[in-house]
Structure formats: structure tokens, C-alpha cells
Amino acid sequence: MDGYKVVNGERVFMGTLRCEFEARKKTLSCTSRGKEADDGEYTLSGDTLEGTLTINGKTRYRKIVTKKVTAPSR
């Protein structure tokens, strides 16, 4: 999965994550091995994906909550 951030309205590439989805548990595990070892653990519940990003196996760097939104029909 490719990660992007938005800066001044422009998408900026942050890096690529290797992810595995375990359907039975509805969990998504992602890792990145750049200058730091990043590990994300997320749980899918309905239309919400929620979890944490940990750096170097010990520092909780970010709590992430995303929600699927359906675009209105045109």
C-alpha cells in the first residue's frame, strides 16, 4: 500500500507499506522498513478502520481512525 500526505492541497508520497489482512479477525497489519521500523496494527469494524502506528517496536507514534465515505451521486 502506498502512503501519501496532503501538503498545501498537493499529494506527497511518504512511502510503501507491506500489509496483510486477516479476514477472520478483520485486522490489517502493515510494516515499513525505512530509516525506522514502522508497524501498524488496525482493526476493521463496519466502515471504520482504527489502530496505531508504532516506531521501532516501542514508541506509539500515531493513532489512526479512517472511515469510508461514499461520494454523492452526480
Protein backbone atom coordinates (compact mmCIF):
# COMPACT_ATOMS: atom_id res chain seq x y z
CA MET A 1 0.00 0.00 0.00
CA ASP A 2 1.37 3.43 -0.90
CA GLY A 3 1.07 6.17 1.71
CA TYR A 4 0.55 9.85 0.93
CA LYS A 5 0.05 13.02 2.92
CA VAL A 6 -1.56 16.24 1.70
CA VAL A 7 0.56 19.41 1.90
CA ASN A 8 -0.90 22.69 0.65
CA GLY A 9 -3.54 20.71 -1.26
CA GLU A 10 -0.96 18.50 -3.02
CA ARG A 11 -0.46 14.76 -2.51
CA VAL A 12 3.08 13.94 -1.34
CA PHE A 13 4.34 10.33 -1.43
CA MET A 14 5.51 9.11 2.00
CA GLY A 15 6.44 5.51 1.27
CA THR A 16 5.24 1.98 0.60
CA LEU A 17 3.91 -0.36 3.29
CA ARG A 18 3.72 -4.14 3.19
CA CYS A 19 0.32 -5.12 4.55
CA GLU A 20 -1.55 -8.32 5.37
CA PHE A 21 -5.28 -8.53 6.00
CA GLU A 22 -6.59 -11.35 8.18
CA ALA A 23 -10.25 -11.65 7.18
CA ARG A 24 -11.27 -13.85 10.11
CA LYS A 25 -10.07 -11.30 12.69
CA LYS A 26 -10.71 -8.27 10.44
CA THR A 27 -7.20 -6.97 11.17
CA LEU A 28 -4.71 -5.21 8.91
CA SER A 29 -1.01 -5.37 9.80
CA CYS A 30 1.45 -3.14 7.93
CA THR A 31 5.23 -2.71 8.12
CA SER A 32 7.75 -0.35 6.64
CA ARG A 33 11.50 -0.70 6.95
CA GLY A 34 12.87 2.72 6.03
CA LYS A 35 15.08 4.76 8.32
CA GLU A 36 12.91 3.48 11.19
CA ALA A 37 10.93 0.28 11.64
CA ASP A 38 7.25 1.22 11.47
CA ASP A 39 4.49 -1.22 12.40
CA GLY A 40 0.78 -0.54 12.07
CA GLU A 41 -1.98 -2.64 13.58
CA TYR A 42 -5.55 -1.82 12.55
CA THR A 43 -8.99 -3.33 13.09
CA LEU A 44 -11.88 -3.06 10.64
CA SER A 45 -15.35 -2.53 12.10
CA GLY A 46 -18.11 -1.76 9.62
CA ASP A 47 -16.90 1.23 7.62
CA THR A 48 -14.19 2.24 10.13
CA LEU A 49 -10.52 1.20 10.23
CA GLU A 50 -8.84 2.08 13.54
CA GLY A 51 -5.43 1.36 15.03
CA THR A 52 -1.97 2.60 15.92
CA LEU A 53 1.38 3.15 14.26
CA THR A 54 4.41 2.18 16.36
CA ILE A 55 8.03 3.12 15.61
CA ASN A 56 10.94 0.80 16.44
CA GLY A 57 8.63 -1.58 18.29
CA LYS A 58 8.16 0.69 21.29
CA THR A 59 7.09 4.26 20.53
CA ARG A 60 3.42 4.83 19.74
CA TYR A 61 3.71 7.41 17.01
CA ARG A 62 0.17 7.86 15.79
CA LYS A 63 -3.41 6.77 16.45
CA ILE A 64 -5.29 6.42 13.19
CA VAL A 65 -9.03 6.34 12.53
CA THR A 66 -10.36 6.26 8.97
CA LYS A 67 -13.92 6.00 7.80
CA LYS A 68 -15.22 5.07 4.35
CA VAL A 69 -17.39 7.79 2.92
CA THR A 70 -19.48 7.28 -0.18
CA ALA A 71 -19.28 10.15 -2.64
CA PRO A 72 -22.63 11.67 -3.55
CA SER A 73 -24.06 10.73 -6.95
CA ARG A 74 -23.65 13.31 -9.69
